[in-house]
Amino acid sequence: ARMGAAEEATLAHLAQLREVLERRVGEVGGRIFFRAGDGF
């Protein structure tokens, strides 16, 4: 729904979310092994 309403703004927020997720996962030795748009 967010992508349909405001695509560019949602993608900018998605980049911020990915940075947080990758940093926190990496800090404790984890790894993200799958990404699919809105899922990790």
PDB file of all heavy atoms in Angstrom:
ATOM      1  N   ALA A   1       0.825  -1.202   0.000  1.00  0.00           N
ATOM      2  CA  ALA A   1       0.000   0.000   0.000  1.00  0.00           C
ATOM      3  C   ALA A   1       0.861   1.255   0.000  1.00  0.00           C
ATOM      4  O   ALA A   1       0.552   2.241  -0.683  1.00  0.00           O
ATOM      5  CB  ALA A   1      -0.929  -0.003   1.214  1.00  0.00           C
ATOM      6  N   ARG A   2       1.951   1.223   0.744  1.00  0.00           N
ATOM      7  CA  ARG A   2       2.858   2.379   0.781  1.00  0.00           C
ATOM      8  C   ARG A   2       3.495   2.626  -0.586  1.00  0.00           C
ATOM      9  O   ARG A   2       3.639   3.770  -1.018  1.00  0.00           O
ATOM     10  CB  ARG A   2       3.943   2.167   1.828  1.00  0.00           C
ATOM     11  CG  ARG A   2       3.486   2.388   3.267  1.00  0.00           C
ATOM     12  CD  ARG A   2       4.588   1.985   4.231  1.00  0.00           C
ATOM     13  NE  ARG A   2       4.308   2.376   5.591  1.00  0.00           N
ATOM     14  CZ  ARG A   2       4.702   3.516   6.147  1.00  0.00           C
ATOM     15  NH1 ARG A   2       5.390   4.378   5.432  1.00  0.00           N
ATOM     16  NH2 ARG A   2       4.404   3.802   7.397  1.00  0.00           N
ATOM     17  N   MET A   3       3.911   1.542  -1.241  1.00  0.00           N
ATOM     18  CA  MET A   3       4.523   1.676  -2.563  1.00  0.00           C
ATOM     19  C   MET A   3       3.527   2.266  -3.555  1.00  0.00           C
ATOM     20  O   MET A   3       3.886   3.077  -4.421  1.00  0.00           O
ATOM     21  CB  MET A   3       5.025   0.325  -3.050  1.00  0.00           C
ATOM     22  CG  MET A   3       6.306  -0.135  -2.379  1.00  0.00           C
ATOM     23  SD  MET A   3       7.740   0.880  -2.835  1.00  0.00           S
ATOM     24  CE  MET A   3       8.017   0.318  -4.519  1.00  0.00           C
ATOM     25  N   GLY A   4       2.257   1.857  -3.456  1.00  0.00           N
ATOM     26  CA  GLY A   4       1.252   2.385  -4.361  1.00  0.00           C
ATOM     27  C   GLY A   4       0.950   3.854  -4.122  1.00  0.00           C
ATOM     28  O   GLY A   4       0.642   4.599  -5.054  1.00  0.00           O
ATOM     29  N   ALA A   5       1.062   4.279  -2.865  1.00  0.00           N
ATOM     30  CA  ALA A   5       0.719   5.656  -2.521  1.00  0.00           C
ATOM     31  C   ALA A   5       1.892   6.626  -2.690  1.00  0.00           C
ATOM     32  O   ALA A   5       1.697   7.772  -3.089  1.00  0.00           O
ATOM     33  CB  ALA A   5       0.207   5.721  -1.083  1.00  0.00           C
ATOM     34  N   ALA A   6       3.109   6.180  -2.360  1.00  0.00           N
ATOM     35  CA  ALA A   6       4.285   7.076  -2.393  1.00  0.00           C
ATOM     36  C   ALA A   6       5.526   6.230  -2.632  1.00  0.00           C
ATOM     37  O   ALA A   6       6.256   5.914  -1.683  1.00  0.00           O
ATOM     38  CB  ALA A   6       4.387   7.879  -1.108  1.00  0.00           C
ATOM     39  N   GLU A   7       5.766   5.892  -3.862  1.00  0.00           N
ATOM     40  CA  GLU A   7       6.834   4.949  -4.205  1.00  0.00           C
ATOM     41  C   GLU A   7       8.224   5.449  -3.817  1.00  0.00           C
ATOM     42  O   GLU A   7       8.986   4.740  -3.166  1.00  0.00           O
ATOM     43  CB  GLU A   7       6.792   4.643  -5.700  1.00  0.00           C
ATOM     44  CG  GLU A   7       7.732   3.542  -6.137  1.00  0.00           C
ATOM     45  CD  GLU A   7       7.576   3.222  -7.602  1.00  0.00           C
ATOM     46  OE1 GLU A   7       8.077   4.025  -8.440  1.00  0.00           O
ATOM     47  OE2 GLU A   7       6.945   2.206  -7.930  1.00  0.00           O
ATOM     48  N   GLU A   8       8.573   6.660  -4.201  1.00  0.00           N
ATOM     49  CA  GLU A   8       9.920   7.170  -3.946  1.00  0.00           C
ATOM     50  C   GLU A   8      10.185   7.334  -2.454  1.00  0.00           C
ATOM     51  O   GLU A   8      11.260   6.986  -1.956  1.00  0.00           O
ATOM     52  CB  GLU A   8      10.127   8.495  -4.684  1.00  0.00           C
ATOM     53  CG  GLU A   8      10.182   8.345  -6.202  1.00  0.00           C
ATOM     54  CD  GLU A   8      10.552   9.653  -6.895  1.00  0.00           C
ATOM     55  OE1 GLU A   8      10.843  10.652  -6.186  1.00  0.00           O
ATOM     56  OE2 GLU A   8      10.553   9.671  -8.141  1.00  0.00           O
ATOM     57  N   ALA A   9       9.209   7.854  -1.735  1.00  0.00           N
ATOM     58  CA  ALA A   9       9.375   8.032  -0.288  1.00  0.00           C
ATOM     59  C   ALA A   9       9.508   6.688   0.407  1.00  0.00           C
ATOM     60  O   ALA A   9      10.321   6.526   1.330  1.00  0.00           O
ATOM     61  CB  ALA A   9       8.188   8.803   0.279  1.00  0.00           C
ATOM     62  N   THR A  10       8.741   5.691  -0.042  1.00  0.00           N
ATOM     63  CA  THR A  10       8.810   4.354   0.557  1.00  0.00           C
ATOM     64  C   THR A  10      10.168   3.718   0.306  1.00  0.00           C
ATOM     65  O   THR A  10      10.736   3.079   1.201  1.00  0.00           O
ATOM     66  CB  THR A  10       7.694   3.453   0.003  1.00  0.00           C
ATOM     67  OG1 THR A  10       6.427   4.056   0.287  1.00  0.00           O
ATOM     68  CG2 THR A  10       7.742   2.070   0.624  1.00  0.00           C
ATOM     69  N   LEU A  11      10.710   3.885  -0.892  1.00  0.00           N
ATOM     70  CA  LEU A  11      12.026   3.328  -1.205  1.00  0.00           C
ATOM     71  C   LEU A  11      13.113   3.992  -0.357  1.00  0.00           C
ATOM     72  O   LEU A  11      14.078   3.339   0.056  1.00  0.00           O
ATOM     73  CB  LEU A  11      12.329   3.489  -2.693  1.00  0.00           C
ATOM     74  CG  LEU A  11      11.500   2.608  -3.641  1.00  0.00           C
ATOM     75  CD1 LEU A  11      11.816   2.944  -5.092  1.00  0.00           C
ATOM     76  CD2 LEU A  11      11.769   1.128  -3.371  1.00  0.00           C
ATOM     77  N   ALA A  12      12.971   5.297  -0.093  1.00  0.00           N
ATOM     78  CA  ALA A  12      13.942   5.987   0.758  1.00  0.00           C
ATOM     79  C   ALA A  12      13.873   5.441   2.180  1.00  0.00           C
ATOM     80  O   ALA A  12      14.905   5.199   2.822  1.00  0.00           O
ATOM     81  CB  ALA A  12      13.673   7.488   0.752  1.00  0.00           C
ATOM     82  N   HIS A  13      12.667   5.217   2.682  1.00  0.00           N
ATOM     83  CA  HIS A  13      12.510   4.635   4.012  1.00  0.00           C
ATOM     84  C   HIS A  13      13.017   3.197   4.040  1.00  0.00           C
ATOM     85  O   HIS A  13      13.567   2.743   5.057  1.00  0.00           O
ATOM     86  CB  HIS A  13      11.044   4.677   4.440  1.00  0.00           C
ATOM     87  CG  HIS A  13      10.574   6.033   4.860  1.00  0.00           C
ATOM     88  ND1 HIS A  13       9.583   6.724   4.215  1.00  0.00           N
ATOM     89  CD2 HIS A  13      10.983   6.846   5.875  1.00  0.00           C
ATOM     90  CE1 HIS A  13       9.389   7.888   4.810  1.00  0.00           C
ATOM     91  NE2 HIS A  13      10.225   7.989   5.819  1.00  0.00           N
ATOM     92  N   LEU A  14      12.832   2.468   2.942  1.00  0.00           N
ATOM     93  CA  LEU A  14      13.310   1.094   2.864  1.00  0.00           C
ATOM     94  C   LEU A  14      14.833   1.043   2.972  1.00  0.00           C
ATOM     95  O   LEU A  14      15.390   0.160   3.637  1.00  0.00           O
ATOM     96  CB  LEU A  14      12.855   0.446   1.554  1.00  0.00           C
ATOM     97  CG  LEU A  14      13.340  -0.971   1.283  1.00  0.00           C
ATOM     98  CD1 LEU A  14      12.858  -1.935   2.360  1.00  0.00           C
ATOM     99  CD2 LEU A  14      12.876  -1.440  -0.104  1.00  0.00           C
ATOM    100  N   ALA A  15      15.511   1.977   2.333  1.00  0.00           N
ATOM    101  CA  ALA A  15      16.975   2.020   2.417  1.00  0.00           C
ATOM    102  C   ALA A  15      17.424   2.247   3.861  1.00  0.00           C
ATOM    103  O   ALA A  15      18.393   1.629   4.323  1.00  0.00           O
ATOM    104  CB  ALA A  15      17.511   3.126   1.508  1.00  0.00           C
ATOM    105  N   GLN A  16      16.726   3.111   4.591  1.00  0.00           N
ATOM    106  CA  GLN A  16      17.055   3.354   5.998  1.00  0.00           C
ATOM    107  C   GLN A  16      16.825   2.099   6.834  1.00  0.00           C
ATOM    108  O   GLN A  16      17.638   1.745   7.695  1.00  0.00           O
ATOM    109  CB  GLN A  16      16.207   4.501   6.540  1.00  0.00           C
ATOM    110  CG  GLN A  16      16.483   5.845   5.892  1.00  0.00           C
ATOM    111  CD  GLN A  16      15.531   6.929   6.375  1.00  0.00           C
ATOM    112  OE1 GLN A  16      14.483   6.641   6.940  1.00  0.00           O
ATOM    113  NE2 GLN A  16      15.897   8.182   6.157  1.00  0.00           N
ATOM    114  N   LEU A  17      15.712   1.418   6.581  1.00  0.00           N
ATOM    115  CA  LEU A  17      15.399   0.199   7.330  1.00  0.00           C
ATOM    116  C   LEU A  17      16.449  -0.879   7.071  1.00  0.00           C
ATOM    117  O   LEU A  17      16.897  -1.566   8.000  1.00  0.00           O
ATOM    118  CB  LEU A  17      14.011  -0.289   6.946  1.00  0.00           C
ATOM    119  CG  LEU A  17      13.479  -1.528   7.668  1.00  0.00           C
ATOM    120  CD1 LEU A  17      11.966  -1.442   7.821  1.00  0.00           C
ATOM    121  CD2 LEU A  17      13.834  -2.806   6.909  1.00  0.00           C
ATOM    122  N   ARG A  18      16.848  -1.040   5.822  1.00  0.00           N
ATOM    123  CA  ARG A  18      17.855  -2.049   5.484  1.00  0.00           C
ATOM    124  C   ARG A  18      19.171  -1.773   6.196  1.00  0.00           C
ATOM    125  O   ARG A  18      19.840  -2.696   6.659  1.00  0.00           O
ATOM    126  CB  ARG A  18      18.076  -2.085   3.962  1.00  0.00           C
ATOM    127  CG  ARG A  18      16.976  -2.808   3.197  1.00  0.00           C
ATOM    128  CD  ARG A  18      17.228  -2.740   1.704  1.00  0.00           C
ATOM    129  NE  ARG A  18      16.307  -3.585   0.963  1.00  0.00           N
ATOM    130  CZ  ARG A  18      16.172  -3.554  -0.359  1.00  0.00           C
ATOM    131  NH1 ARG A  18      16.900  -2.700  -1.079  1.00  0.00           N
ATOM    132  NH2 ARG A  18      15.320  -4.362  -0.969  1.00  0.00           N
ATOM    133  N   GLU A  19      19.537  -0.488   6.288  1.00  0.00           N
ATOM    134  CA  GLU A  19      20.791  -0.142   6.963  1.00  0.00           C
ATOM    135  C   GLU A  19      20.739  -0.550   8.432  1.00  0.00           C
ATOM    136  O   GLU A  19      21.695  -1.112   8.971  1.00  0.00           O
ATOM    137  CB  GLU A  19      21.036   1.365   6.821  1.00  0.00           C
ATOM    138  CG  GLU A  19      22.409   1.823   7.308  1.00  0.00           C
ATOM    139  CD  GLU A  19      22.481   2.012   8.818  1.00  0.00           C
ATOM    140  OE1 GLU A  19      21.439   2.392   9.406  1.00  0.00           O
ATOM    141  OE2 GLU A  19      23.547   1.761   9.414  1.00  0.00           O
ATOM    142  N   VAL A  20      19.599  -0.278   9.079  1.00  0.00           N
ATOM    143  CA  VAL A  20      19.439  -0.643  10.483  1.00  0.00           C
ATOM    144  C   VAL A  20      19.497  -2.158  10.643  1.00  0.00           C
ATOM    145  O   VAL A  20      20.199  -2.688  11.522  1.00  0.00           O
ATOM    146  CB  VAL A  20      18.098  -0.108  11.037  1.00  0.00           C
ATOM    147  CG1 VAL A  20      17.795  -0.710  12.404  1.00  0.00           C
ATOM    148  CG2 VAL A  20      18.135   1.411  11.126  1.00  0.00           C
ATOM    149  N   LEU A  21      18.772  -2.875   9.793  1.00  0.00           N
ATOM    150  CA  LEU A  21      18.712  -4.326   9.897  1.00  0.00           C
ATOM    151  C   LEU A  21      20.081  -4.969   9.657  1.00  0.00           C
ATOM    152  O   LEU A  21      20.530  -5.834  10.430  1.00  0.00           O
ATOM    153  CB  LEU A  21      17.692  -4.868   8.889  1.00  0.00           C
ATOM    154  CG  LEU A  21      17.251  -6.321   9.052  1.00  0.00           C
ATOM    155  CD1 LEU A  21      16.598  -6.553  10.399  1.00  0.00           C
ATOM    156  CD2 LEU A  21      16.294  -6.706   7.929  1.00  0.00           C
ATOM    157  N   GLU A  22      20.768  -4.547   8.616  1.00  0.00           N
ATOM    158  CA  GLU A  22      22.074  -5.119   8.308  1.00  0.00           C
ATOM    159  C   GLU A  22      23.092  -4.820   9.407  1.00  0.00           C
ATOM    160  O   GLU A  22      23.905  -5.681   9.767  1.00  0.00           O
ATOM    161  CB  GLU A  22      22.559  -4.591   6.956  1.00  0.00           C
ATOM    162  CG  GLU A  22      21.750  -5.128   5.779  1.00  0.00           C
ATOM    163  CD  GLU A  22      22.128  -4.464   4.468  1.00  0.00           C
ATOM    164  OE1 GLU A  22      23.002  -3.560   4.479  1.00  0.00           O
ATOM    165  OE2 GLU A  22      21.563  -4.845   3.425  1.00  0.00           O
ATOM    166  N   ARG A  23      23.034  -3.621   9.958  1.00  0.00           N
ATOM    167  CA  ARG A  23      23.984  -3.250  11.015  1.00  0.00           C
ATOM    168  C   ARG A  23      23.742  -4.066  12.282  1.00  0.00           C
ATOM    169  O   ARG A  23      24.679  -4.616  12.857  1.00  0.00           O
ATOM    170  CB  ARG A  23      23.878  -1.746  11.311  1.00  0.00           C
ATOM    171  CG  ARG A  23      24.698  -1.286  12.503  1.00  0.00           C
ATOM    172  CD  ARG A  23      24.780   0.233  12.540  1.00  0.00           C
ATOM    173  NE  ARG A  23      23.478   0.859  12.426  1.00  0.00           N
ATOM    174  CZ  ARG A  23      22.634   1.044  13.452  1.00  0.00           C
ATOM    175  NH1 ARG A  23      22.995   0.637  14.671  1.00  0.00           N
ATOM    176  NH2 ARG A  23      21.480   1.636  13.270  1.00  0.00           N
ATOM    177  N   ARG A  24      22.502  -4.161  12.713  1.00  0.00           N
ATOM    178  CA  ARG A  24      22.195  -4.881  13.945  1.00  0.00           C
ATOM    179  C   ARG A  24      22.437  -6.381  13.801  1.00  0.00           C
ATOM    180  O   ARG A  24      22.916  -7.038  14.739  1.00  0.00           O
ATOM    181  CB  ARG A  24      20.754  -4.606  14.355  1.00  0.00           C
ATOM    182  CG  ARG A  24      20.500  -3.195  14.873  1.00  0.00           C
ATOM    183  CD  ARG A  24      21.383  -2.877  16.068  1.00  0.00           C
ATOM    184  NE  ARG A  24      21.019  -1.600  16.699  1.00  0.00           N
ATOM    185  CZ  ARG A  24      21.667  -1.086  17.720  1.00  0.00           C
ATOM    186  NH1 ARG A  24      22.722  -1.696  18.235  1.00  0.00           N
ATOM    187  NH2 ARG A  24      21.282   0.070  18.250  1.00  0.00           N
ATOM    188  N   VAL A  25      22.117  -6.934  12.650  1.00  0.00           N
ATOM    189  CA  VAL A  25      22.375  -8.368  12.421  1.00  0.00           C
ATOM    190  C   VAL A  25      23.871  -8.635  12.412  1.00  0.00           C
ATOM    191  O   VAL A  25      24.367  -9.590  13.024  1.00  0.00           O
ATOM    192  CB  VAL A  25      21.718  -8.833  11.106  1.00  0.00           C
ATOM    193  CG1 VAL A  25      22.207 -10.230  10.723  1.00  0.00           C
ATOM    194  CG2 VAL A  25      20.200  -8.836  11.251  1.00  0.00           C
ATOM    195  N   GLY A  26      24.629  -7.786  11.715  1.00  0.00           N
ATOM    196  CA  GLY A  26      26.068  -7.973  11.616  1.00  0.00           C
ATOM    197  C   GLY A  26      26.793  -7.782  12.927  1.00  0.00           C
ATOM    198  O   GLY A  26      27.818  -8.436  13.176  1.00  0.00           O
ATOM    199  N   GLU A  27      26.291  -6.916  13.793  1.00  0.00           N
ATOM    200  CA  GLU A  27      26.947  -6.640  15.069  1.00  0.00           C
ATOM    201  C   GLU A  27      27.074  -7.879  15.947  1.00  0.00           C
ATOM    202  O   GLU A  27      28.003  -7.988  16.741  1.00  0.00           O
ATOM    203  CB  GLU A  27      26.169  -5.564  15.832  1.00  0.00           C
ATOM    204  CG  GLU A  27      26.409  -4.153  15.334  1.00  0.00           C
ATOM    205  CD  GLU A  27      25.540  -3.134  16.048  1.00  0.00           C
ATOM    206  OE1 GLU A  27      24.628  -3.544  16.800  1.00  0.00           O
ATOM    207  OE2 GLU A  27      25.774  -1.925  15.852  1.00  0.00           O
ATOM    208  N   VAL A  28      26.145  -8.818  15.822  1.00  0.00           N
ATOM    209  CA  VAL A  28      26.163 -10.012  16.669  1.00  0.00           C
ATOM    210  C   VAL A  28      26.541 -11.269  15.880  1.00  0.00           C
ATOM    211  O   VAL A  28      26.311 -12.392  16.330  1.00  0.00           O
ATOM    212  CB  VAL A  28      24.793 -10.208  17.369  1.00  0.00           C
ATOM    213  CG1 VAL A  28      24.547  -9.094  18.358  1.00  0.00           C
ATOM    214  CG2 VAL A  28      23.660 -10.296  16.365  1.00  0.00           C
ATOM    215  N   GLY A  29      27.125 -11.071  14.699  1.00  0.00           N
ATOM    216  CA  GLY A  29      27.628 -12.207  13.937  1.00  0.00           C
ATOM    217  C   GLY A  29      26.603 -12.931  13.098  1.00  0.00           C
ATOM    218  O   GLY A  29      26.867 -14.034  12.606  1.00  0.00           O
ATOM    219  N   GLY A  30      25.431 -12.340  12.900  1.00  0.00           N
ATOM    220  CA  GLY A  30      24.429 -12.959  12.046  1.00  0.00           C
ATOM    221  C   GLY A  30      24.633 -12.568  10.588  1.00  0.00           C
ATOM    222  O   GLY A  30      25.495 -11.760  10.259  1.00  0.00           O
ATOM    223  N   ARG A  31      23.803 -13.140   9.719  1.00  0.00           N
ATOM    224  CA  ARG A  31      23.862 -12.772   8.306  1.00  0.00           C
ATOM    225  C   ARG A  31      22.470 -12.832   7.711  1.00  0.00           C
ATOM    226  O   ARG A  31      21.663 -13.702   8.047  1.00  0.00           O
ATOM    227  CB  ARG A  31      24.807 -13.681   7.518  1.00  0.00           C
ATOM    228  CG  ARG A  31      24.266 -15.074   7.244  1.00  0.00           C
ATOM    229  CD  ARG A  31      25.179 -15.910   6.379  1.00  0.00           C
ATOM    230  NE  ARG A  31      24.593 -17.224   6.111  1.00  0.00           N
ATOM    231  CZ  ARG A  31      24.018 -17.568   4.957  1.00  0.00           C
ATOM    232  NH1 ARG A  31      23.966 -16.700   3.955  1.00  0.00           N
ATOM    233  NH2 ARG A  31      23.490 -18.772   4.791  1.00  0.00           N
ATOM    234  N   ILE A  32      22.175 -11.883   6.826  1.00  0.00           N
ATOM    235  CA  ILE A  32      20.918 -11.901   6.080  1.00  0.00           C
ATOM    236  C   ILE A  32      21.137 -12.761   4.834  1.00  0.00           C
ATOM    237  O   ILE A  32      21.997 -12.456   4.012  1.00  0.00           O
ATOM    238  CB  ILE A  32      20.492 -10.477   5.696  1.00  0.00           C
ATOM    239  CG1 ILE A  32      20.239  -9.648   6.959  1.00  0.00           C
ATOM    240  CG2 ILE A  32      19.250 -10.511   4.816  1.00  0.00           C
ATOM    241  CD1 ILE A  32      19.964  -8.179   6.693  1.00  0.00           C
ATOM    242  N   PHE A  33      20.383 -13.842   4.723  1.00  0.00           N
ATOM    243  CA  PHE A  33      20.600 -14.749   3.588  1.00  0.00           C
ATOM    244  C   PHE A  33      19.486 -14.682   2.543  1.00  0.00           C
ATOM    245  O   PHE A  33      19.570 -15.341   1.505  1.00  0.00           O
ATOM    246  CB  PHE A  33      20.772 -16.196   4.071  1.00  0.00           C
ATOM    247  CG  PHE A  33      19.566 -16.797   4.736  1.00  0.00           C
ATOM    248  CD1 PHE A  33      18.622 -17.495   3.997  1.00  0.00           C
ATOM    249  CD2 PHE A  33      19.381 -16.690   6.107  1.00  0.00           C
ATOM    250  CE1 PHE A  33      17.519 -18.060   4.605  1.00  0.00           C
ATOM    251  CE2 PHE A  33      18.283 -17.260   6.730  1.00  0.00           C
ATOM    252  CZ  PHE A  33      17.345 -17.944   5.976  1.00  0.00           C
ATOM    253  N   PHE A  34      18.462 -13.863   2.795  1.00  0.00           N
ATOM    254  CA  PHE A  34      17.379 -13.738   1.825  1.00  0.00           C
ATOM    255  C   PHE A  34      16.752 -12.360   1.941  1.00  0.00           C
ATOM    256  O   PHE A  34      16.454 -11.889   3.030  1.00  0.00           O
ATOM    257  CB  PHE A  34      16.311 -14.812   2.067  1.00  0.00           C
ATOM    258  CG  PHE A  34      15.136 -14.730   1.121  1.00  0.00           C
ATOM    259  CD1 PHE A  34      15.211 -15.268  -0.148  1.00  0.00           C
ATOM    260  CD2 PHE A  34      13.967 -14.097   1.517  1.00  0.00           C
ATOM    261  CE1 PHE A  34      14.131 -15.186  -1.015  1.00  0.00           C
ATOM    262  CE2 PHE A  34      12.877 -14.008   0.658  1.00  0.00           C
ATOM    263  CZ  PHE A  34      12.961 -14.557  -0.614  1.00  0.00           C
ATOM    264  N   ARG A  35      16.548 -11.716   0.782  1.00  0.00           N
ATOM    265  CA  ARG A  35      15.843 -10.433   0.709  1.00  0.00           C
ATOM    266  C   ARG A  35      14.855 -10.519  -0.443  1.00  0.00           C
ATOM    267  O   ARG A  35      15.192 -10.993  -1.516  1.00  0.00           O
ATOM    268  CB  ARG A  35      16.807  -9.268   0.436  1.00  0.00           C
ATOM    269  CG  ARG A  35      17.852  -9.022   1.498  1.00  0.00           C
ATOM    270  CD  ARG A  35      18.797  -7.913   1.037  1.00  0.00           C
ATOM    271  NE  ARG A  35      19.826  -7.595   2.009  1.00  0.00           N
ATOM    272  CZ  ARG A  35      20.958  -8.267   2.159  1.00  0.00           C
ATOM    273  NH1 ARG A  35      21.206  -9.312   1.372  1.00  0.00           N
ATOM    274  NH2 ARG A  35      21.838  -7.914   3.066  1.00  0.00           N
ATOM    275  N   ALA A  36      13.649 -10.028  -0.212  1.00  0.00           N
ATOM    276  CA  ALA A  36      12.639 -10.031  -1.272  1.00  0.00           C
ATOM    277  C   ALA A  36      11.704  -8.856  -1.066  1.00  0.00           C
ATOM    278  O   ALA A  36      10.630  -9.000  -0.477  1.00  0.00           O
ATOM    279  CB  ALA A  36      11.859 -11.336  -1.279  1.00  0.00           C
ATOM    280  N   GLY A  37      12.118  -7.673  -1.523  1.00  0.00           N
ATOM    281  CA  GLY A  37      11.263  -6.501  -1.403  1.00  0.00           C
ATOM    282  C   GLY A  37      11.026  -6.117   0.040  1.00  0.00           C
ATOM    283  O   GLY A  37      11.834  -5.439   0.666  1.00  0.00           O
ATOM    284  N   ASP A  38       9.886  -6.580   0.575  1.00  0.00           N
ATOM    285  CA  ASP A  38       9.530  -6.206   1.938  1.00  0.00           C
ATOM    286  C   ASP A  38       9.860  -7.277   2.956  1.00  0.00           C
ATOM    287  O   ASP A  38       9.522  -7.133   4.136  1.00  0.00           O
ATOM    288  CB  ASP A  38       8.030  -5.898   2.008  1.00  0.00           C
ATOM    289  CG  ASP A  38       7.175  -7.098   1.624  1.00  0.00           C
ATOM    290  OD1 ASP A  38       7.697  -8.009   0.954  1.00  0.00           O
ATOM    291  OD2 ASP A  38       5.991  -7.119   1.997  1.00  0.00           O
ATOM    292  N   GLY A  39      10.533  -8.363   2.552  1.00  0.00           N
ATOM    293  CA  GLY A  39      10.815  -9.462   3.464  1.00  0.00           C
ATOM    294  C   GLY A  39      12.299  -9.759   3.590  1.00  0.00           C
ATOM    295  O   GLY A  39      13.074  -9.576   2.641  1.00  0.00           O
ATOM    296  N   PHE A  40      12.700 -10.230   4.784  1.00  0.00           N
ATOM    297  CA  PHE A  40      14.096 -10.548   5.066  1.00  0.00           C
ATOM    298  C   PHE A  40      14.161 -11.818   5.904  1.00  0.00           C
ATOM    299  O   PHE A  40      13.304 -12.063   6.754  1.00  0.00           O
ATOM    300  CB  PHE A  40      14.768  -9.414   5.855  1.00  0.00           C
ATOM    301  CG  PHE A  40      14.662  -8.060   5.219  1.00  0.00           C
ATOM    302  CD1 PHE A  40      13.538  -7.269   5.428  1.00  0.00           C
ATOM    303  CD2 PHE A  40      15.679  -7.562   4.412  1.00  0.00           C
ATOM    304  CE1 PHE A  40      13.421  -6.017   4.858  1.00  0.00           C
ATOM    305  CE2 PHE A  40      15.577  -6.318   3.828  1.00  0.00           C
ATOM    306  CZ  PHE A  40      14.442  -5.529   4.051  1.00  0.00           C
TER     307      PHE A  40
END
